[in-house]
Amino acid sequence: CSRLALTRGQCDAVGALPVLRNAAKKLARDCRPSEVVGTLSGLPL
């Protein structure tokens, strides 16, 4: 993010990668819709 001077929105999305990769593991099984929302809510779209 720093070296390539990414925009704030781009940095927010790229910076979410550690959380996103954990979310991918949680969603590897079928979840209740409320669990899906709880896992992904707050992450950049």
All heavy atoms as atom14 arrays in JSON, in Angstrom:
{
  "sequence": "CSRLALTRGQCDAVGALPVLRNAAKKLARDCRPSEVVGTLSGLPL",
  "atom14_mask": [
    [1, 1, 1, 1, 1, 1, 0, 0, 0, 0, 0, 0, 0, 0],
    [1, 1, 1, 1, 1, 1, 0, 0, 0, 0, 0, 0, 0, 0],
    [1, 1, 1, 1, 1, 1, 1, 1, 1, 1, 1, 0, 0, 0],
    [1, 1, 1, 1, 1, 1, 1, 1, 0, 0, 0, 0, 0, 0],
    [1, 1, 1, 1, 1, 0, 0, 0, 0, 0, 0, 0, 0, 0],
    [1, 1, 1, 1, 1, 1, 1, 1, 0, 0, 0, 0, 0, 0],
    [1, 1, 1, 1, 1, 1, 1, 0, 0, 0, 0, 0, 0, 0],
    [1, 1, 1, 1, 1, 1, 1, 1, 1, 1, 1, 0, 0, 0],
    [1, 1, 1, 1, 0, 0, 0, 0, 0, 0, 0, 0, 0, 0],
    [1, 1, 1, 1, 1, 1, 1, 1, 1, 0, 0, 0, 0, 0],
    [1, 1, 1, 1, 1, 1, 0, 0, 0, 0, 0, 0, 0, 0],
    [1, 1, 1, 1, 1, 1, 1, 1, 0, 0, 0, 0, 0, 0],
    [1, 1, 1, 1, 1, 0, 0, 0, 0, 0, 0, 0, 0, 0],
    [1, 1, 1, 1, 1, 1, 1, 0, 0, 0, 0, 0, 0, 0],
    [1, 1, 1, 1, 0, 0, 0, 0, 0, 0, 0, 0, 0, 0],
    [1, 1, 1, 1, 1, 0, 0, 0, 0, 0, 0, 0, 0, 0],
    [1, 1, 1, 1, 1, 1, 1, 1, 0, 0, 0, 0, 0, 0],
    [1, 1, 1, 1, 1, 1, 1, 0, 0, 0, 0, 0, 0, 0],
    [1, 1, 1, 1, 1, 1, 1, 0, 0, 0, 0, 0, 0, 0],
    [1, 1, 1, 1, 1, 1, 1, 1, 0, 0, 0, 0, 0, 0],
    [1, 1, 1, 1, 1, 1, 1, 1, 1, 1, 1, 0, 0, 0],
    [1, 1, 1, 1, 1, 1, 1, 1, 0, 0, 0, 0, 0, 0],
    [1, 1, 1, 1, 1, 0, 0, 0, 0, 0, 0, 0, 0, 0],
    [1, 1, 1, 1, 1, 0, 0, 0, 0, 0, 0, 0, 0, 0],
    [1, 1, 1, 1, 1, 1, 1, 1, 1, 0, 0, 0, 0, 0],
    [1, 1, 1, 1, 1, 1, 1, 1, 1, 0, 0, 0, 0, 0],
    [1, 1, 1, 1, 1, 1, 1, 1, 0, 0, 0, 0, 0, 0],
    [1, 1, 1, 1, 1, 0, 0, 0, 0, 0, 0, 0, 0, 0],
    [1, 1, 1, 1, 1, 1, 1, 1, 1, 1, 1, 0, 0, 0],
    [1, 1, 1, 1, 1, 1, 1, 1, 0, 0, 0, 0, 0, 0],
    [1, 1, 1, 1, 1, 1, 0, 0, 0, 0, 0, 0, 0, 0],
    [1, 1, 1, 1, 1, 1, 1, 1, 1, 1, 1, 0, 0, 0],
    [1, 1, 1, 1, 1, 1, 1, 0, 0, 0, 0, 0, 0, 0],
    [1, 1, 1, 1, 1, 1, 0, 0, 0, 0, 0, 0, 0, 0],
    [1, 1, 1, 1, 1, 1, 1, 1, 1, 0, 0, 0, 0, 0],
    [1, 1, 1, 1, 1, 1, 1, 0, 0, 0, 0, 0, 0, 0],
    [1, 1, 1, 1, 1, 1, 1, 0, 0, 0, 0, 0, 0, 0],
    [1, 1, 1, 1, 0, 0, 0, 0, 0, 0, 0, 0, 0, 0],
    [1, 1, 1, 1, 1, 1, 1, 0, 0, 0, 0, 0, 0, 0],
    [1, 1, 1, 1, 1, 1, 1, 1, 0, 0, 0, 0, 0, 0],
    [1, 1, 1, 1, 1, 1, 0, 0, 0, 0, 0, 0, 0, 0],
    [1, 1, 1, 1, 0, 0, 0, 0, 0, 0, 0, 0, 0, 0],
    [1, 1, 1, 1, 1, 1, 1, 1, 0, 0, 0, 0, 0, 0],
    [1, 1, 1, 1, 1, 1, 1, 0, 0, 0, 0, 0, 0, 0],
    [1, 1, 1, 1, 1, 1, 1, 1, 0, 0, 0, 0, 0, 0]
  ],
  "atom14_positions": [
    [[0.83, -1.21, 0.0], [0.0, 0.0, 0.0], [0.86, 1.26, 0.0], [0.58, 2.23, -0.72], [-0.93, 0.01, 1.21], [-2.26, -1.21, 1.13], [0.0, 0.0, 0.0], [0.0, 0.0, 0.0], [0.0, 0.0, 0.0], [0.0, 0.0, 0.0], [0.0, 0.0, 0.0], [0.0, 0.0, 0.0], [0.0, 0.0, 0.0], [0.0, 0.0, 0.0]],
    [[1.92, 1.24, 0.79], [2.79, 2.41, 0.9], [3.63, 2.6, -0.36], [3.68, 3.7, -0.93], [3.71, 2.26, 2.12], [4.63, 3.32, 2.18], [0.0, 0.0, 0.0], [0.0, 0.0, 0.0], [0.0, 0.0, 0.0], [0.0, 0.0, 0.0], [0.0, 0.0, 0.0], [0.0, 0.0, 0.0], [0.0, 0.0, 0.0], [0.0, 0.0, 0.0]],
    [[4.29, 1.54, -0.82], [5.19, 1.65, -1.96], [4.45, 2.08, -3.22], [4.96, 2.9, -4.0], [5.88, 0.3, -2.21], [6.69, 0.23, -3.51], [7.92, 1.12, -3.44], [8.69, 1.08, -4.67], [8.74, 2.04, -5.58], [8.02, 3.14, -5.41], [9.49, 1.93, -6.67], [0.0, 0.0, 0.0], [0.0, 0.0, 0.0], [0.0, 0.0, 0.0]],
    [[3.24, 1.56, -3.44], [2.52, 1.84, -4.67], [1.52, 2.98, -4.53], [0.76, 3.26, -5.45], [1.82, 0.57, -5.16], [2.76, -0.58, -5.52], [1.98, -1.8, -5.97], [3.75, -0.15, -6.6], [0.0, 0.0, 0.0], [0.0, 0.0, 0.0], [0.0, 0.0, 0.0], [0.0, 0.0, 0.0], [0.0, 0.0, 0.0], [0.0, 0.0, 0.0]],
    [[1.54, 3.64, -3.37], [0.68, 4.8, -3.14], [-0.78, 4.49, -3.51], [-1.43, 5.26, -4.21], [1.19, 6.01, -3.93], [0.0, 0.0, 0.0], [0.0, 0.0, 0.0], [0.0, 0.0, 0.0], [0.0, 0.0, 0.0], [0.0, 0.0, 0.0], [0.0, 0.0, 0.0], [0.0, 0.0, 0.0], [0.0, 0.0, 0.0], [0.0, 0.0, 0.0]],
    [[-1.28, 3.33, -3.04], [-2.66, 2.97, -3.31], [-3.6, 3.99, -2.68], [-3.28, 4.61, -1.66], [-2.97, 1.57, -2.77], [-2.17, 0.4, -3.35], [-2.76, -0.91, -2.85], [-2.12, 0.43, -4.86], [0.0, 0.0, 0.0], [0.0, 0.0, 0.0], [0.0, 0.0, 0.0], [0.0, 0.0, 0.0], [0.0, 0.0, 0.0], [0.0, 0.0, 0.0]],
    [[-4.76, 4.17, -3.27], [-5.74, 5.09, -2.7], [-6.26, 4.55, -1.37], [-6.07, 3.37, -1.04], [-6.92, 5.27, -3.65], [-7.64, 4.03, -3.75], [-6.45, 5.7, -5.05], [0.0, 0.0, 0.0], [0.0, 0.0, 0.0], [0.0, 0.0, 0.0], [0.0, 0.0, 0.0], [0.0, 0.0, 0.0], [0.0, 0.0, 0.0], [0.0, 0.0, 0.0]],
    [[-6.95, 5.4, -0.64], [-7.46, 4.97, 0.67], [-8.4, 3.78, 0.53], [-8.31, 2.81, 1.29], [-8.18, 6.13, 1.35], [-8.7, 5.78, 2.73], [-9.24, 6.99, 3.44], [-9.74, 6.64, 4.77], [-10.21, 7.51, 5.63], [-10.23, 8.8, 5.34], [-10.65, 7.12, 6.81], [0.0, 0.0, 0.0], [0.0, 0.0, 0.0], [0.0, 0.0, 0.0]],
    [[-9.31, 3.84, -0.46], [-10.24, 2.73, -0.65], [-9.53, 1.45, -1.04], [-9.89, 0.35, -0.58], [0.0, 0.0, 0.0], [0.0, 0.0, 0.0], [0.0, 0.0, 0.0], [0.0, 0.0, 0.0], [0.0, 0.0, 0.0], [0.0, 0.0, 0.0], [0.0, 0.0, 0.0], [0.0, 0.0, 0.0], [0.0, 0.0, 0.0], [0.0, 0.0, 0.0]],
    [[-8.5, 1.57, -1.87], [-7.73, 0.39, -2.26], [-6.97, -0.19, -1.08], [-6.92, -1.41, -0.9], [-6.77, 0.76, -3.4], [-7.48, 1.08, -4.7], [-6.58, 1.77, -5.72], [-5.42, 2.07, -5.44], [-7.11, 2.03, -6.9], [0.0, 0.0, 0.0], [0.0, 0.0, 0.0], [0.0, 0.0, 0.0], [0.0, 0.0, 0.0], [0.0, 0.0, 0.0]],
    [[-6.38, 0.69, -0.27], [-5.66, 0.23, 0.93], [-6.61, -0.45, 1.91], [-6.25, -1.45, 2.54], [-4.95, 1.39, 1.6], [-3.43, 1.9, 0.76], [0.0, 0.0, 0.0], [0.0, 0.0, 0.0], [0.0, 0.0, 0.0], [0.0, 0.0, 0.0], [0.0, 0.0, 0.0], [0.0, 0.0, 0.0], [0.0, 0.0, 0.0], [0.0, 0.0, 0.0]],
    [[-7.82, 0.09, 2.07], [-8.8, -0.53, 2.96], [-9.12, -1.95, 2.49], [-9.2, -2.89, 3.3], [-10.07, 0.3, 3.03], [-9.9, 1.59, 3.81], [-8.89, 1.71, 4.54], [-10.76, 2.48, 3.68], [0.0, 0.0, 0.0], [0.0, 0.0, 0.0], [0.0, 0.0, 0.0], [0.0, 0.0, 0.0], [0.0, 0.0, 0.0], [0.0, 0.0, 0.0]],
    [[-9.31, -2.1, 1.18], [-9.66, -3.42, 0.64], [-8.49, -4.38, 0.74], [-8.64, -5.53, 1.2], [-10.1, -3.28, -0.82], [0.0, 0.0, 0.0], [0.0, 0.0, 0.0], [0.0, 0.0, 0.0], [0.0, 0.0, 0.0], [0.0, 0.0, 0.0], [0.0, 0.0, 0.0], [0.0, 0.0, 0.0], [0.0, 0.0, 0.0], [0.0, 0.0, 0.0]],
    [[-7.3, -3.94, 0.35], [-6.11, -4.81, 0.42], [-5.75, -5.09, 1.88], [-5.37, -6.21, 2.23], [-4.94, -4.17, -0.34], [-3.65, -4.96, -0.12], [-5.26, -4.1, -1.83], [0.0, 0.0, 0.0], [0.0, 0.0, 0.0], [0.0, 0.0, 0.0], [0.0, 0.0, 0.0], [0.0, 0.0, 0.0], [0.0, 0.0, 0.0], [0.0, 0.0, 0.0]],
    [[-5.89, -4.08, 2.73], [-5.57, -4.25, 4.15], [-6.48, -5.24, 4.85], [-6.12, -5.79, 5.9], [0.0, 0.0, 0.0], [0.0, 0.0, 0.0], [0.0, 0.0, 0.0], [0.0, 0.0, 0.0], [0.0, 0.0, 0.0], [0.0, 0.0, 0.0], [0.0, 0.0, 0.0], [0.0, 0.0, 0.0], [0.0, 0.0, 0.0], [0.0, 0.0, 0.0]],
    [[-7.66, -5.51, 4.26], [-8.59, -6.48, 4.86], [-8.22, -7.92, 4.54], [-8.9, -8.85, 5.0], [-10.01, -6.19, 4.37], [0.0, 0.0, 0.0], [0.0, 0.0, 0.0], [0.0, 0.0, 0.0], [0.0, 0.0, 0.0], [0.0, 0.0, 0.0], [0.0, 0.0, 0.0], [0.0, 0.0, 0.0], [0.0, 0.0, 0.0], [0.0, 0.0, 0.0]],
    [[-7.13, -8.13, 3.78], [-6.8, -9.48, 3.33], [-6.66, -10.51, 4.45], [-7.19, -11.62, 4.32], [-5.52, -9.43, 2.48], [-5.75, -9.27, 0.97], [-4.45, -8.98, 0.25], [-6.41, -10.52, 0.41], [0.0, 0.0, 0.0], [0.0, 0.0, 0.0], [0.0, 0.0, 0.0], [0.0, 0.0, 0.0], [0.0, 0.0, 0.0], [0.0, 0.0, 0.0]],
    [[-5.96, -10.22, 5.56], [-5.86, -11.25, 6.61], [-7.23, -11.68, 7.14], [-7.49, -12.88, 7.31], [-5.01, -10.56, 7.69], [-4.18, -9.56, 6.94], [-5.1, -9.05, 5.87], [0.0, 0.0, 0.0], [0.0, 0.0, 0.0], [0.0, 0.0, 0.0], [0.0, 0.0, 0.0], [0.0, 0.0, 0.0], [0.0, 0.0, 0.0], [0.0, 0.0, 0.0]],
    [[-8.11, -10.7, 7.38], [-9.47, -11.03, 7.84], [-10.23, -11.76, 6.75], [-10.98, -12.71, 7.0], [-10.21, -9.74, 8.25], [-11.65, -10.05, 8.66], [-9.47, -9.04, 9.39], [0.0, 0.0, 0.0], [0.0, 0.0, 0.0], [0.0, 0.0, 0.0], [0.0, 0.0, 0.0], [0.0, 0.0, 0.0], [0.0, 0.0, 0.0], [0.0, 0.0, 0.0]],
    [[-10.03, -11.33, 5.52], [-10.74, -11.93, 4.38], [-10.36, -13.39, 4.2], [-11.22, -14.24, 3.93], [-10.41, -11.12, 3.13], [-11.33, -11.28, 1.93], [-12.7, -10.71, 2.25], [-10.74, -10.57, 0.71], [0.0, 0.0, 0.0], [0.0, 0.0, 0.0], [0.0, 0.0, 0.0], [0.0, 0.0, 0.0], [0.0, 0.0, 0.0], [0.0, 0.0, 0.0]],
    [[-9.08, -13.69, 4.35], [-8.65, -15.08, 4.19], [-9.21, -15.96, 5.29], [-9.56, -17.12, 5.06], [-7.12, -15.13, 4.12], [-6.58, -14.56, 2.8], [-5.09, -14.81, 2.62], [-4.27, -13.96, 3.44], [-3.35, -13.09, 2.97], [-3.17, -12.97, 1.66], [-2.62, -12.37, 3.78], [0.0, 0.0, 0.0], [0.0, 0.0, 0.0], [0.0, 0.0, 0.0]],
    [[-9.31, -15.42, 6.51], [-9.96, -16.18, 7.59], [-11.44, -16.37, 7.29], [-12.01, -17.44, 7.56], [-9.79, -15.45, 8.92], [-8.39, -15.59, 9.48], [-7.7, -16.58, 9.21], [-7.95, -14.61, 10.26], [0.0, 0.0, 0.0], [0.0, 0.0, 0.0], [0.0, 0.0, 0.0], [0.0, 0.0, 0.0], [0.0, 0.0, 0.0], [0.0, 0.0, 0.0]],
    [[-12.07, -15.34, 6.73], [-13.48, -15.45, 6.36], [-13.69, -16.54, 5.32], [-14.67, -17.3, 5.38], [-13.99, -14.11, 5.84], [0.0, 0.0, 0.0], [0.0, 0.0, 0.0], [0.0, 0.0, 0.0], [0.0, 0.0, 0.0], [0.0, 0.0, 0.0], [0.0, 0.0, 0.0], [0.0, 0.0, 0.0], [0.0, 0.0, 0.0], [0.0, 0.0, 0.0]],
    [[-12.75, -16.65, 4.38], [-12.86, -17.69, 3.35], [-12.86, -19.08, 3.97], [-13.59, -19.98, 3.53], [-11.71, -17.54, 2.35], [0.0, 0.0, 0.0], [0.0, 0.0, 0.0], [0.0, 0.0, 0.0], [0.0, 0.0, 0.0], [0.0, 0.0, 0.0], [0.0, 0.0, 0.0], [0.0, 0.0, 0.0], [0.0, 0.0, 0.0], [0.0, 0.0, 0.0]],
    [[-12.06, -19.26, 5.03], [-12.02, -20.56, 5.72], [-13.35, -20.85, 6.42], [-13.86, -21.97, 6.37], [-10.88, -20.57, 6.73], [-9.49, -20.5, 6.1], [-8.41, -20.41, 7.16], [-7.03, -20.25, 6.54], [-5.97, -20.07, 7.56], [0.0, 0.0, 0.0], [0.0, 0.0, 0.0], [0.0, 0.0, 0.0], [0.0, 0.0, 0.0], [0.0, 0.0, 0.0]],
    [[-13.92, -19.82, 7.08], [-15.19, -20.01, 7.77], [-16.32, -20.36, 6.79], [-17.19, -21.19, 7.08], [-15.57, -18.75, 8.55], [-14.66, -18.45, 9.73], [-15.11, -17.16, 10.42], [-14.18, -16.79, 11.57], [-14.58, -15.52, 12.22], [0.0, 0.0, 0.0], [0.0, 0.0, 0.0], [0.0, 0.0, 0.0], [0.0, 0.0, 0.0], [0.0, 0.0, 0.0]],
    [[-16.27, -19.71, 5.63], [-17.35, -19.89, 4.66], [-17.17, -21.13, 3.79], [-17.97, -21.38, 2.9], [-17.47, -18.65, 3.77], [-17.82, -17.35, 4.48], [-17.88, -16.19, 3.49], [-19.14, -17.46, 5.24], [0.0, 0.0, 0.0], [0.0, 0.0, 0.0], [0.0, 0.0, 0.0], [0.0, 0.0, 0.0], [0.0, 0.0, 0.0], [0.0, 0.0, 0.0]],
    [[-16.11, -21.88, 4.05], [-15.9, -23.11, 3.29], [-16.96, -24.16, 3.62], [-17.11, -25.15, 2.9], [-14.5, -23.66, 3.56], [0.0, 0.0, 0.0], [0.0, 0.0, 0.0], [0.0, 0.0, 0.0], [0.0, 0.0, 0.0], [0.0, 0.0, 0.0], [0.0, 0.0, 0.0], [0.0, 0.0, 0.0], [0.0, 0.0, 0.0], [0.0, 0.0, 0.0]],
    [[-17.67, -23.97, 4.74], [-18.79, -24.86, 5.07], [-20.08, -24.06, 4.94], [-20.08, -22.82, 4.98], [-18.66, -25.38, 6.5], [-18.66, -24.28, 7.55], [-18.66, -24.81, 8.96], [-18.62, -23.73, 9.94], [-19.67, -23.04, 10.35], [-20.88, -23.31, 9.84], [-19.55, -22.09, 11.25], [0.0, 0.0, 0.0], [0.0, 0.0, 0.0], [0.0, 0.0, 0.0]],
    [[-21.19, -24.77, 4.79], [-22.48, -24.07, 4.71], [-22.78, -23.41, 6.05], [-22.72, -24.04, 7.11], [-23.6, -25.06, 4.36], [-23.69, -25.29, 2.87], [-23.68, -24.31, 2.12], [-23.74, -26.46, 2.47], [0.0, 0.0, 0.0], [0.0, 0.0, 0.0], [0.0, 0.0, 0.0], [0.0, 0.0, 0.0], [0.0, 0.0, 0.0], [0.0, 0.0, 0.0]],
    [[-23.08, -22.13, 6.0], [-23.37, -21.34, 7.2], [-24.8, -20.82, 7.13], [-25.37, -20.69, 6.05], [-22.41, -20.15, 7.31], [-20.67, -20.59, 7.41], [0.0, 0.0, 0.0], [0.0, 0.0, 0.0], [0.0, 0.0, 0.0], [0.0, 0.0, 0.0], [0.0, 0.0, 0.0], [0.0, 0.0, 0.0], [0.0, 0.0, 0.0], [0.0, 0.0, 0.0]],
    [[-25.36, -20.52, 8.33], [-26.63, -19.82, 8.33], [-26.43, -18.43, 7.72], [-25.34, -17.85, 7.85], [-27.17, -19.67, 9.75], [-27.5, -20.98, 10.44], [-28.31, -20.74, 11.72], [-27.73, -19.69, 12.55], [-26.75, -19.87, 13.45], [-26.23, -21.09, 13.62], [-26.29, -18.87, 14.17], [0.0, 0.0, 0.0], [0.0, 0.0, 0.0], [0.0, 0.0, 0.0]],
    [[-27.43, -17.88, 7.06], [-27.27, -16.54, 6.48], [-26.8, -15.51, 7.49], [-25.98, -14.64, 7.16], [-28.67, -16.23, 5.96], [-29.24, -17.57, 5.63], [-28.72, -18.5, 6.69], [0.0, 0.0, 0.0], [0.0, 0.0, 0.0], [0.0, 0.0, 0.0], [0.0, 0.0, 0.0], [0.0, 0.0, 0.0], [0.0, 0.0, 0.0], [0.0, 0.0, 0.0]],
    [[-27.28, -15.6, 8.72], [-26.84, -14.63, 9.73], [-25.36, -14.8, 10.05], [-24.66, -13.82, 10.35], [-27.67, -14.77, 11.01], [-27.53, -16.07, 11.57], [0.0, 0.0, 0.0], [0.0, 0.0, 0.0], [0.0, 0.0, 0.0], [0.0, 0.0, 0.0], [0.0, 0.0, 0.0], [0.0, 0.0, 0.0], [0.0, 0.0, 0.0], [0.0, 0.0, 0.0]],
    [[-24.84, -16.02, 9.96], [-23.41, -16.25, 10.16], [-22.6, -15.64, 9.02], [-21.52, -15.07, 9.23], [-23.11, -17.75, 10.25], [-23.6, -18.43, 11.51], [-23.22, -19.91, 11.49], [-23.77, -20.66, 10.67], [-22.36, -20.3, 12.31], [0.0, 0.0, 0.0], [0.0, 0.0, 0.0], [0.0, 0.0, 0.0], [0.0, 0.0, 0.0], [0.0, 0.0, 0.0]],
    [[-23.11, -15.78, 7.8], [-22.43, -15.18, 6.65], [-22.33, -13.68, 6.82], [-21.26, -13.08, 6.63], [-23.18, -15.52, 5.34], [-22.55, -14.79, 4.15], [-23.19, -17.03, 5.1], [0.0, 0.0, 0.0], [0.0, 0.0, 0.0], [0.0, 0.0, 0.0], [0.0, 0.0, 0.0], [0.0, 0.0, 0.0], [0.0, 0.0, 0.0], [0.0, 0.0, 0.0]],
    [[-23.44, -13.07, 7.21], [-23.44, -11.61, 7.42], [-22.5, -11.24, 8.55], [-21.73, -10.27, 8.45], [-24.87, -11.11, 7.69], [-24.85, -9.65, 8.14], [-25.74, -11.27, 6.45], [0.0, 0.0, 0.0], [0.0, 0.0, 0.0], [0.0, 0.0, 0.0], [0.0, 0.0, 0.0], [0.0, 0.0, 0.0], [0.0, 0.0, 0.0], [0.0, 0.0, 0.0]],
    [[-22.52, -11.99, 9.64], [-21.63, -11.7, 10.76], [-20.16, -11.82, 10.37], [-19.31, -11.08, 10.88], [0.0, 0.0, 0.0], [0.0, 0.0, 0.0], [0.0, 0.0, 0.0], [0.0, 0.0, 0.0], [0.0, 0.0, 0.0], [0.0, 0.0, 0.0], [0.0, 0.0, 0.0], [0.0, 0.0, 0.0], [0.0, 0.0, 0.0], [0.0, 0.0, 0.0]],
    [[-19.86, -12.73, 9.46], [-18.48, -12.94, 9.02], [-18.0, -11.84, 8.08], [-16.85, -11.4, 8.15], [-18.35, -14.31, 8.33], [-18.71, -15.34, 9.26], [-16.93, -14.55, 7.84], [0.0, 0.0, 0.0], [0.0, 0.0, 0.0], [0.0, 0.0, 0.0], [0.0, 0.0, 0.0], [0.0, 0.0, 0.0], [0.0, 0.0, 0.0], [0.0, 0.0, 0.0]],
    [[-18.88, -11.38, 7.19], [-18.46, -10.46, 6.13], [-18.83, -9.01, 6.39], [-18.26, -8.11, 5.77], [-19.07, -10.9, 4.79], [-18.65, -12.29, 4.3], [-19.38, -12.63, 3.01], [-17.14, -12.36, 4.1], [0.0, 0.0, 0.0], [0.0, 0.0, 0.0], [0.0, 0.0, 0.0], [0.0, 0.0, 0.0], [0.0, 0.0, 0.0], [0.0, 0.0, 0.0]],
    [[-19.75, -8.78, 7.3], [-20.17, -7.4, 7.57], [-18.99, -6.58, 8.07], [-18.2, -7.01, 8.9], [-21.29, -7.4, 8.62], [-21.75, -6.08, 8.84], [0.0, 0.0, 0.0], [0.0, 0.0, 0.0], [0.0, 0.0, 0.0], [0.0, 0.0, 0.0], [0.0, 0.0, 0.0], [0.0, 0.0, 0.0], [0.0, 0.0, 0.0], [0.0, 0.0, 0.0]],
    [[-18.87, -5.39, 7.56], [-17.77, -4.5, 7.95], [-16.57, -4.57, 7.02], [-15.72, -3.69, 7.04], [0.0, 0.0, 0.0], [0.0, 0.0, 0.0], [0.0, 0.0, 0.0], [0.0, 0.0, 0.0], [0.0, 0.0, 0.0], [0.0, 0.0, 0.0], [0.0, 0.0, 0.0], [0.0, 0.0, 0.0], [0.0, 0.0, 0.0], [0.0, 0.0, 0.0]],
    [[-16.48, -5.62, 6.19], [-15.4, -5.71, 5.22], [-15.74, -4.87, 3.99], [-16.91, -4.78, 3.6], [-15.19, -7.17, 4.79], [-14.57, -8.1, 5.82], [-14.62, -9.54, 5.32], [-13.13, -7.7, 6.11], [0.0, 0.0, 0.0], [0.0, 0.0, 0.0], [0.0, 0.0, 0.0], [0.0, 0.0, 0.0], [0.0, 0.0, 0.0], [0.0, 0.0, 0.0]],
    [[-14.75, -4.23, 3.37], [-15.04, -3.48, 2.14], [-15.68, -4.37, 1.09], [-15.29, -5.53, 0.92], [-13.65, -3.0, 1.69], [-12.82, -3.0, 2.94], [-13.34, -4.15, 3.76], [0.0, 0.0, 0.0], [0.0, 0.0, 0.0], [0.0, 0.0, 0.0], [0.0, 0.0, 0.0], [0.0, 0.0, 0.0], [0.0, 0.0, 0.0], [0.0, 0.0, 0.0]],
    [[-16.69, -3.85, 0.42], [-17.43, -4.65, -0.54], [-16.51, -5.16, -1.66], [-16.68, -6.27, -2.16], [-18.57, -3.83, -1.12], [-19.69, -4.62, -1.8], [-20.31, -5.63, -0.84], [-20.75, -3.67, -2.33], [0.0, 0.0, 0.0], [0.0, 0.0, 0.0], [0.0, 0.0, 0.0], [0.0, 0.0, 0.0], [0.0, 0.0, 0.0], [0.0, 0.0, 0.0]]
  ]
}
